[in-house]
PDB file of N, CA and C in Angstrom:
ATOM      1  N   MET A   1      53.670  10.006  58.495  1.00  0.00           N
ATOM      2  CA  MET A   1      54.841   9.481  57.886  1.00  0.00           C
ATOM      3  C   MET A   1      55.636  10.311  57.398  1.00  0.00           C
ATOM      4  N   TYR A   2      57.095  10.236  57.668  1.00  0.00           N
ATOM      5  CA  TYR A   2      57.989  11.197  57.153  1.00  0.00           C
ATOM      6  C   TYR A   2      59.041  10.255  56.366  1.00  0.00           C
ATOM      7  N   ARG A   3      59.451  10.567  55.204  1.00  0.00           N
ATOM      8  CA  ARG A   3      60.434   9.881  54.499  1.00  0.00           C
ATOM      9  C   ARG A   3      61.682  10.574  53.855  1.00  0.00           C
ATOM     10  N   GLY A   4      62.698   9.960  54.111  1.00  0.00           N
ATOM     11  CA  GLY A   4      64.077  10.494  53.647  1.00  0.00           C
ATOM     12  C   GLY A   4      64.391  11.747  54.562  1.00  0.00           C
ATOM     13  N   HIS A   5      65.554  12.242  53.961  1.00  0.00           N
ATOM     14  CA  HIS A   5      66.089  13.327  54.579  1.00  0.00           C
ATOM     15  C   HIS A   5      65.248  14.620  54.834  1.00  0.00           C
ATOM     16  N   GLU A   6      64.413  15.007  53.650  1.00  0.00           N
ATOM     17  CA  GLU A   6      63.544  15.969  53.847  1.00  0.00           C
ATOM     18  C   GLU A   6      62.454  15.782  54.805  1.00  0.00           C
ATOM     19  N   GLY A   7      61.963  14.529  54.821  1.00  0.00           N
ATOM     20  CA  GLY A   7      60.897  14.050  55.656  1.00  0.00           C
ATOM     21  C   GLY A   7      61.409  14.368  57.347  1.00  0.00           C
ATOM     22  N   VAL A   8      62.564  14.048  57.436  1.00  0.00           N
ATOM     23  CA  VAL A   8      63.260  14.387  59.091  1.00  0.00           C
ATOM     24  C   VAL A   8      63.293  15.701  59.163  1.00  0.00           C
ATOM     25  N   ARG A   9      63.501  16.527  58.246  1.00  0.00           N
ATOM     26  CA  ARG A   9      63.622  18.096  58.271  1.00  0.00           C
ATOM     27  C   ARG A   9      62.083  18.323  58.606  1.00  0.00           C
ATOM     28  N   GLU A  10      61.275  18.005  57.758  1.00  0.00           N
ATOM     29  CA  GLU A  10      59.988  18.541  57.947  1.00  0.00           C
ATOM     30  C   GLU A  10      59.400  18.151  59.363  1.00  0.00           C
ATOM     31  N   PHE A  11      59.577  16.917  59.813  1.00  0.00           N
ATOM     32  CA  PHE A  11      59.274  16.533  61.161  1.00  0.00           C
ATOM     33  C   PHE A  11      59.991  17.416  62.129  1.00  0.00           C
ATOM     34  N   GLY A  12      61.132  17.805  61.973  1.00  0.00           N
ATOM     35  CA  GLY A  12      61.715  18.880  63.096  1.00  0.00           C
ATOM     36  C   GLY A  12      61.113  20.176  62.967  1.00  0.00           C
ATOM     37  N   ARG A  13      60.784  20.630  61.839  1.00  0.00           N
ATOM     38  CA  ARG A  13      60.059  21.841  61.658  1.00  0.00           C
ATOM     39  C   ARG A  13      58.651  21.825  62.444  1.00  0.00           C
ATOM     40  N   GLU A  14      57.959  20.851  62.127  1.00  0.00           N
ATOM     41  CA  GLU A  14      56.584  20.664  62.802  1.00  0.00           C
ATOM     42  C   GLU A  14      56.845  20.464  64.302  1.00  0.00           C
ATOM     43  N   ILE A  15      57.713  19.875  64.842  1.00  0.00           N
ATOM     44  CA  ILE A  15      57.777  19.901  66.258  1.00  0.00           C
ATOM     45  C   ILE A  15      58.288  21.188  66.834  1.00  0.00           C
ATOM     46  N   ASP A  16      59.077  21.894  66.000  1.00  0.00           N
ATOM     47  CA  ASP A  16      59.617  23.275  66.586  1.00  0.00           C
ATOM     48  C   ASP A  16      58.467  24.139  66.655  1.00  0.00           C
ATOM     49  N   SER A  17      57.572  24.166  65.594  1.00  0.00           N
ATOM     50  CA  SER A  17      56.464  24.928  65.700  1.00  0.00           C
ATOM     51  C   SER A  17      55.379  24.763  66.546  1.00  0.00           C
ATOM     52  N   ALA A  18      55.149  23.426  67.092  1.00  0.00           N
ATOM     53  CA  ALA A  18      54.242  23.060  68.164  1.00  0.00           C
ATOM     54  C   ALA A  18      54.592  23.220  69.496  1.00  0.00           C
ATOM     55  N   PHE A  19      55.853  23.085  69.895  1.00  0.00           N
ATOM     56  CA  PHE A  19      56.341  23.043  71.202  1.00  0.00           C
ATOM     57  C   PHE A  19      57.368  24.027  71.427  1.00  0.00           C
ATOM     58  N   ALA A  20      57.168  24.776  72.642  1.00  0.00           N
ATOM     59  CA  ALA A  20      58.005  25.837  73.250  1.00  0.00           C
ATOM     60  C   ALA A  20      59.239  24.896  73.933  1.00  0.00           C
ATOM     61  N   GLU A  21      58.721  23.921  74.460  1.00  0.00           N
ATOM     62  CA  GLU A  21      59.825  22.904  75.345  1.00  0.00           C
ATOM     63  C   GLU A  21      59.328  21.589  74.914  1.00  0.00           C
ATOM     64  N   LEU A  22      60.654  20.800  74.835  1.00  0.00           N
ATOM     65  CA  LEU A  22      60.275  19.301  74.500  1.00  0.00           C
ATOM     66  C   LEU A  22      61.522  18.735  75.080  1.00  0.00           C
ATOM     67  N   HIS A  23      61.403  17.822  76.077  1.00  0.00           N
ATOM     68  CA  HIS A  23      62.408  16.963  76.819  1.00  0.00           C
ATOM     69  C   HIS A  23      62.066  15.494  76.792  1.00  0.00           C
ATOM     70  N   ALA A  24      62.949  14.605  76.274  1.00  0.00           N
ATOM     71  CA  ALA A  24      62.830  13.228  76.406  1.00  0.00           C
ATOM     72  C   ALA A  24      63.836  12.595  77.121  1.00  0.00           C
ATOM     73  N   GLU A  25      63.390  12.022  78.361  1.00  0.00           N
ATOM     74  CA  GLU A  25      64.366  11.351  79.287  1.00  0.00           C
ATOM     75  C   GLU A  25      64.324   9.968  78.900  1.00  0.00           C
ATOM     76  N   ILE A  26      65.495   9.377  78.559  1.00  0.00           N
ATOM     77  CA  ILE A  26      65.468   7.975  78.181  1.00  0.00           C
ATOM     78  C   ILE A  26      66.077   7.251  79.435  1.00  0.00           C
ATOM     79  N   SER A  27      65.370   6.182  80.064  1.00  0.00           N
ATOM     80  CA  SER A  27      65.566   5.620  80.985  1.00  0.00           C
ATOM     81  C   SER A  27      66.243   4.200  80.688  1.00  0.00           C
ATOM     82  N   GLU A  28      65.926   3.585  79.691  1.00  0.00           N
ATOM     83  CA  GLU A  28      66.176   2.316  79.249  1.00  0.00           C
ATOM     84  C   GLU A  28      66.663   2.115  77.638  1.00  0.00           C
ATOM     85  N   ILE A  29      67.592   1.519  77.346  1.00  0.00           N
ATOM     86  CA  ILE A  29      67.761   1.216  75.893  1.00  0.00           C
ATOM     87  C   ILE A  29      68.180  -0.204  75.644  1.00  0.00           C
ATOM     88  N   ARG A  30      67.482  -0.771  75.062  1.00  0.00           N
ATOM     89  CA  ARG A  30      67.797  -2.373  74.664  1.00  0.00           C
ATOM     90  C   ARG A  30      68.427  -2.309  73.324  1.00  0.00           C
ATOM     91  N   ASP A  31      69.739  -2.986  73.166  1.00  0.00           N
ATOM     92  CA  ASP A  31      70.363  -3.197  71.689  1.00  0.00           C
ATOM     93  C   ASP A  31      70.085  -4.588  71.402  1.00  0.00           C
ATOM     94  N   LEU A  32      69.413  -4.745  70.276  1.00  0.00           N
ATOM     95  CA  LEU A  32      68.834  -5.859  69.530  1.00  0.00           C
ATOM     96  C   LEU A  32      69.486  -6.278  68.369  1.00  0.00           C
ATOM     97  N   GLY A  33      70.700  -5.441  68.063  1.00  0.00           N
ATOM     98  CA  GLY A  33      71.465  -5.718  66.830  1.00  0.00           C
ATOM     99  C   GLY A  33      71.107  -4.848  65.897  1.00  0.00           C
ATOM    100  N   ASP A  34      70.219  -5.045  65.011  1.00  0.00           N
ATOM    101  CA  ASP A  34      69.658  -4.290  63.839  1.00  0.00           C
ATOM    102  C   ASP A  34      68.487  -3.374  64.360  1.00  0.00           C
ATOM    103  N   ARG A  35      67.957  -3.599  65.607  1.00  0.00           N
ATOM    104  CA  ARG A  35      67.022  -2.715  65.936  1.00  0.00           C
ATOM    105  C   ARG A  35      67.423  -2.167  67.540  1.00  0.00           C
ATOM    106  N   LEU A  36      66.891  -1.102  67.923  1.00  0.00           N
ATOM    107  CA  LEU A  36      67.093  -0.478  69.231  1.00  0.00           C
ATOM    108  C   LEU A  36      65.809  -0.103  69.716  1.00  0.00           C
ATOM    109  N   VAL A  37      65.573  -0.491  71.043  1.00  0.00           N
ATOM    110  CA  VAL A  37      64.329   0.012  71.827  1.00  0.00           C
ATOM    111  C   VAL A  37      64.508   0.744  72.988  1.00  0.00           C
ATOM    112  N   ALA A  38      63.934   1.957  72.996  1.00  0.00           N
ATOM    113  CA  ALA A  38      64.198   2.849  74.098  1.00  0.00           C
ATOM    114  C   ALA A  38      62.986   3.134  74.862  1.00  0.00           C
ATOM    115  N   SER A  39      62.873   3.252  76.169  1.00  0.00           N
ATOM    116  CA  SER A  39      61.913   3.704  76.854  1.00  0.00           C
ATOM    117  C   SER A  39      62.222   4.896  78.051  1.00  0.00           C
ATOM    118  N   GLY A  40      61.243   5.591  78.362  1.00  0.00           N
ATOM    119  CA  GLY A  40      61.585   6.595  79.041  1.00  0.00           C
ATOM    120  C   GLY A  40      60.126   7.682  79.323  1.00  0.00           C
ATOM    121  N   HIS A  41      60.514   9.034  79.405  1.00  0.00           N
ATOM    122  CA  HIS A  41      59.260   9.712  79.745  1.00  0.00           C
ATOM    123  C   HIS A  41      59.505  11.137  78.957  1.00  0.00           C
ATOM    124  N   LEU A  42      58.400  11.599  78.401  1.00  0.00           N
ATOM    125  CA  LEU A  42      58.501  12.867  77.614  1.00  0.00           C
ATOM    126  C   LEU A  42      57.729  14.007  78.482  1.00  0.00           C
ATOM    127  N   ARG A  43      58.177  15.343  78.371  1.00  0.00           N
ATOM    128  CA  ARG A  43      57.641  16.636  79.038  1.00  0.00           C
ATOM    129  C   ARG A  43      57.911  17.548  77.843  1.00  0.00           C
ATOM    130  N   ALA A  44      56.622  18.361  77.626  1.00  0.00           N
ATOM    131  CA  ALA A  44      56.698  19.292  76.747  1.00  0.00           C
ATOM    132  C   ALA A  44      55.506  20.361  77.208  1.00  0.00           C
ATOM    133  N   SER A  45      55.721  21.619  76.539  1.00  0.00           N
ATOM    134  CA  SER A  45      54.638  22.590  76.639  1.00  0.00           C
ATOM    135  C   SER A  45      54.553  23.166  75.147  1.00  0.00           C
ATOM    136  N   GLY A  46      53.337  23.432  75.049  1.00  0.00           N
ATOM    137  CA  GLY A  46      52.819  23.951  73.538  1.00  0.00           C
ATOM    138  C   GLY A  46      52.978  25.232  73.391  1.00  0.00           C
ATOM    139  N   ILE A  47      53.436  25.764  72.066  1.00  0.00           N
ATOM    140  CA  ILE A  47      53.770  27.131  71.892  1.00  0.00           C
ATOM    141  C   ILE A  47      52.474  28.052  71.946  1.00  0.00           C
ATOM    142  N   GLU A  48      51.269  27.505  71.536  1.00  0.00           N
ATOM    143  CA  GLU A  48      50.186  28.468  71.477  1.00  0.00           C
ATOM    144  C   GLU A  48      49.383  28.503  72.647  1.00  0.00           C
ATOM    145  N   SER A  49      49.285  27.170  73.349  1.00  0.00           N
ATOM    146  CA  SER A  49      48.264  27.057  74.563  1.00  0.00           C
ATOM    147  C   SER A  49      49.151  27.158  75.707  1.00  0.00           C
ATOM    148  N   GLY A  50      50.342  26.879  75.696  1.00  0.00           N
ATOM    149  CA  GLY A  50      51.294  26.775  76.912  1.00  0.00           C
ATOM    150  C   GLY A  50      50.879  25.421  77.878  1.00  0.00           C
ATOM    151  N   ALA A  51      50.030  24.772  77.287  1.00  0.00           N
ATOM    152  CA  ALA A  51      49.700  23.428  78.087  1.00  0.00           C
ATOM    153  C   ALA A  51      50.822  22.542  78.302  1.00  0.00           C
ATOM    154  N   ARG A  52      51.016  21.972  79.267  1.00  0.00           N
ATOM    155  CA  ARG A  52      52.272  21.126  79.547  1.00  0.00           C
ATOM    156  C   ARG A  52      51.711  19.594  79.417  1.00  0.00           C
ATOM    157  N   ILE A  53      52.608  18.817  78.985  1.00  0.00           N
ATOM    158  CA  ILE A  53      52.342  17.544  78.491  1.00  0.00           C
ATOM    159  C   ILE A  53      53.482  16.761  79.304  1.00  0.00           C
ATOM    160  N   GLU A  54      53.042  15.580  80.079  1.00  0.00           N
ATOM    161  CA  GLU A  54      53.958  14.587  80.543  1.00  0.00           C
ATOM    162  C   GLU A  54      53.305  13.138  80.158  1.00  0.00           C
ATOM    163  N   SER A  55      54.303  12.253  79.636  1.00  0.00           N
ATOM    164  CA  SER A  55      53.697  11.012  79.140  1.00  0.00           C
ATOM    165  C   SER A  55      54.931  10.120  79.091  1.00  0.00           C
ATOM    166  N   PRO A  56      54.536   8.873  79.344  1.00  0.00           N
ATOM    167  CA  PRO A  56      55.582   7.825  79.211  1.00  0.00           C
ATOM    168  C   PRO A  56      55.890   7.783  77.682  1.00  0.00           C
ATOM    169  N   TYR A  57      57.073   7.272  77.272  1.00  0.00           N
ATOM    170  CA  TYR A  57      57.512   7.245  76.007  1.00  0.00           C
ATOM    171  C   TYR A  57      58.488   5.885  75.702  1.00  0.00           C
ATOM    172  N   GLY A  58      58.108   5.620  74.474  1.00  0.00           N
ATOM    173  CA  GLY A  58      58.843   4.451  73.974  1.00  0.00           C
ATOM    174  C   GLY A  58      59.246   4.706  72.443  1.00  0.00           C
ATOM    175  N   ALA A  59      60.375   4.054  71.846  1.00  0.00           N
ATOM    176  CA  ALA A  59      60.597   4.284  70.614  1.00  0.00           C
ATOM    177  C   ALA A  59      61.342   3.151  70.018  1.00  0.00           C
ATOM    178  N   VAL A  60      61.281   2.600  68.719  1.00  0.00           N
ATOM    179  CA  VAL A  60      61.888   1.483  68.123  1.00  0.00           C
ATOM    180  C   VAL A  60      62.693   2.203  66.940  1.00  0.00           C
ATOM    181  N   ALA A  61      63.918   1.971  66.976  1.00  0.00           N
ATOM    182  CA  ALA A  61      64.700   2.431  65.856  1.00  0.00           C
ATOM    183  C   ALA A  61      65.216   1.072  65.055  1.00  0.00           C
ATOM    184  N   GLU A  62      65.292   1.234  63.810  1.00  0.00           N
ATOM    185  CA  GLU A  62      65.820   0.057  63.117  1.00  0.00           C
ATOM    186  C   GLU A  62      66.953   0.695  62.059  1.00  0.00           C
ATOM    187  N   PHE A  63      67.988  -0.227  62.080  1.00  0.00           N
ATOM    188  CA  PHE A  63      69.188   0.109  61.462  1.00  0.00           C
ATOM    189  C   PHE A  63      69.544  -0.835  60.045  1.00  0.00           C
ATOM    190  N   LYS A  64      70.169  -0.082  59.125  1.00  0.00           N
ATOM    191  CA  LYS A  64      70.640  -0.995  58.066  1.00  0.00           C
ATOM    192  C   LYS A  64      71.924  -0.345  57.708  1.00  0.00           C
ATOM    193  N   ASN A  65      73.183  -0.983  57.684  1.00  0.00           N
ATOM    194  CA  ASN A  65      74.571  -0.468  57.192  1.00  0.00           C
ATOM    195  C   ASN A  65      74.702   0.642  58.226  1.00  0.00           C
ATOM    196  N   GLY A  66      74.272   0.783  59.506  1.00  0.00           N
ATOM    197  CA  GLY A  66      74.712   1.861  60.500  1.00  0.00           C
ATOM    198  C   GLY A  66      73.952   2.982  60.224  1.00  0.00           C
ATOM    199  N   LYS A  67      72.851   3.032  59.641  1.00  0.00           N
ATOM    200  CA  LYS A  67      71.931   4.264  59.397  1.00  0.00           C
ATOM    201  C   LYS A  67      70.500   3.935  59.946  1.00  0.00           C
ATOM    202  N   VAL A  68      69.785   4.778  60.436  1.00  0.00           N
ATOM    203  CA  VAL A  68      68.425   4.276  60.891  1.00  0.00           C
ATOM    204  C   VAL A  68      67.659   4.546  59.409  1.00  0.00           C
ATOM    205  N   VAL A  69      66.816   3.305  59.476  1.00  0.00           N
ATOM    206  CA  VAL A  69      66.046   3.420  58.224  1.00  0.00           C
ATOM    207  C   VAL A  69      64.404   3.369  58.538  1.00  0.00           C
ATOM    208  N   ARG A  70      64.025   3.272  59.824  1.00  0.00           N
ATOM    209  CA  ARG A  70      63.117   3.198  60.375  1.00  0.00           C
ATOM    210  C   ARG A  70      62.776   3.799  61.788  1.00  0.00           C
ATOM    211  N   TYR A  71      62.051   4.611  62.032  1.00  0.00           N
ATOM    212  CA  TYR A  71      61.958   4.903  63.587  1.00  0.00           C
ATOM    213  C   TYR A  71      60.448   5.333  63.918  1.00  0.00           C
ATOM    214  N   ARG A  72      60.068   4.679  64.903  1.00  0.00           N
ATOM    215  CA  ARG A  72      58.743   4.795  65.302  1.00  0.00           C
ATOM    216  C   ARG A  72      58.604   5.123  66.937  1.00  0.00           C
ATOM    217  N   ASP A  73      57.538   6.036  67.389  1.00  0.00           N
ATOM    218  CA  ASP A  73      57.281   6.313  68.645  1.00  0.00           C
ATOM    219  C   ASP A  73      56.188   5.795  69.116  1.00  0.00           C
ATOM    220  N   TYR A  74      55.995   5.817  70.262  1.00  0.00           N
ATOM    221  CA  TYR A  74      54.883   5.222  71.236  1.00  0.00           C
ATOM    222  C   TYR A  74      54.708   5.956  72.425  1.00  0.00           C
ATOM    223  N   LEU A  75      53.526   6.271  72.793  1.00  0.00           N
ATOM    224  CA  LEU A  75      53.248   6.982  74.038  1.00  0.00           C
ATOM    225  C   LEU A  75      53.162   5.896  75.222  1.00  0.00           C
ATOM    226  N   ASP A  76      53.334   4.589  74.861  1.00  0.00           N
ATOM    227  CA  ASP A  76      53.191   3.613  76.001  1.00  0.00           C
ATOM    228  C   ASP A  76      54.394   2.874  75.579  1.00  0.00           C
ATOM    229  N   PRO A  77      55.306   2.683  76.451  1.00  0.00           N
ATOM    230  CA  PRO A  77      56.737   1.911  76.159  1.00  0.00           C
ATOM    231  C   PRO A  77      56.408   0.430  76.016  1.00  0.00           C
ATOM    232  N   LYS A  78      55.210  -0.199  76.631  1.00  0.00           N
ATOM    233  CA  LYS A  78      54.968  -1.605  76.551  1.00  0.00           C
ATOM    234  C   LYS A  78      54.542  -1.769  74.813  1.00  0.00           C
ATOM    235  N   LYS A  79      54.145  -0.939  74.261  1.00  0.00           N
ATOM    236  CA  LYS A  79      53.866  -0.988  72.875  1.00  0.00           C
ATOM    237  C   LYS A  79      55.082  -1.050  71.965  1.00  0.00           C
ATOM    238  N   ALA A  80      56.057  -0.316  72.426  1.00  0.00           N
ATOM    239  CA  ALA A  80      57.533  -0.371  71.688  1.00  0.00           C
ATOM    240  C   ALA A  80      58.103  -1.651  71.890  1.00  0.00           C
ATOM    241  N   LEU A  81      58.055  -2.285  73.254  1.00  0.00           N
ATOM    242  CA  LEU A  81      58.598  -3.533  73.322  1.00  0.00           C
ATOM    243  C   LEU A  81      57.679  -4.691  72.434  1.00  0.00           C
ATOM    244  N   GLU A  82      56.261  -4.412  72.596  1.00  0.00           N
ATOM    245  CA  GLU A  82      55.459  -5.520  71.694  1.00  0.00           C
ATOM    246  C   GLU A  82      55.871  -5.218  70.293  1.00  0.00           C
ATOM    247  N   ALA A  83      56.351  -4.240  69.903  1.00  0.00           N
ATOM    248  CA  ALA A  83      56.594  -4.143  68.363  1.00  0.00           C
ATOM    249  C   ALA A  83      57.744  -4.970  67.917  1.00  0.00           C
ATOM    250  N   VAL A  84      58.435  -5.172  68.949  1.00  0.00           N
ATOM    251  CA  VAL A  84      59.759  -5.998  68.565  1.00  0.00           C
ATOM    252  C   VAL A  84      59.573  -7.589  69.254  1.00  0.00           C
ATOM    253  N   GLY A  85      58.683  -7.835  69.776  1.00  0.00           N
ATOM    254  CA  GLY A  85      58.345  -9.133  70.254  1.00  0.00           C
ATOM    255  C   GLY A  85      58.810  -9.414  71.592  1.00  0.00           C
ATOM    256  N   LEU A  86      58.947  -8.219  72.552  1.00  0.00           N
ATOM    257  CA  LEU A  86      59.257  -8.365  73.672  1.00  0.00           C
ATOM    258  C   LEU A  86      58.303  -7.946  74.669  1.00  0.00           C
ATOM    259  N   ARG A  87      58.494  -8.494  75.913  1.00  0.00           N
ATOM    260  CA  ARG A  87      57.610  -7.748  77.060  1.00  0.00           C
ATOM    261  C   ARG A  87      58.391  -7.234  78.174  1.00  0.00           C
ATOM    262  N   GLU A  88      57.895  -6.734  79.097  1.00  0.00           N
ATOM    263  CA  GLU A  88      58.581  -5.959  80.134  1.00  0.00           C
ATOM    264  C   GLU A  88      59.424  -7.153  80.935  1.00  0.00           C
TER     265      GLU A  88
END
């Protein structure tokens, strides 16, 4: 869990130190007003191992006063939909 601006910076540093390449392709976004649900696909390769990763991807972002106040990632897009009470 990361909190606040420094938490977001720490998350970015950790991602940069773990992956030589990281691409997220978002194929669908659902606007739920104060929440957004995205689904797509991730591709990455590790810096140390060079291992390639491919995975489905889902995310939920919650907003307050136009700012993200909570963001959650899922390696199963169905779980992201379920987190906001939706199904495919």
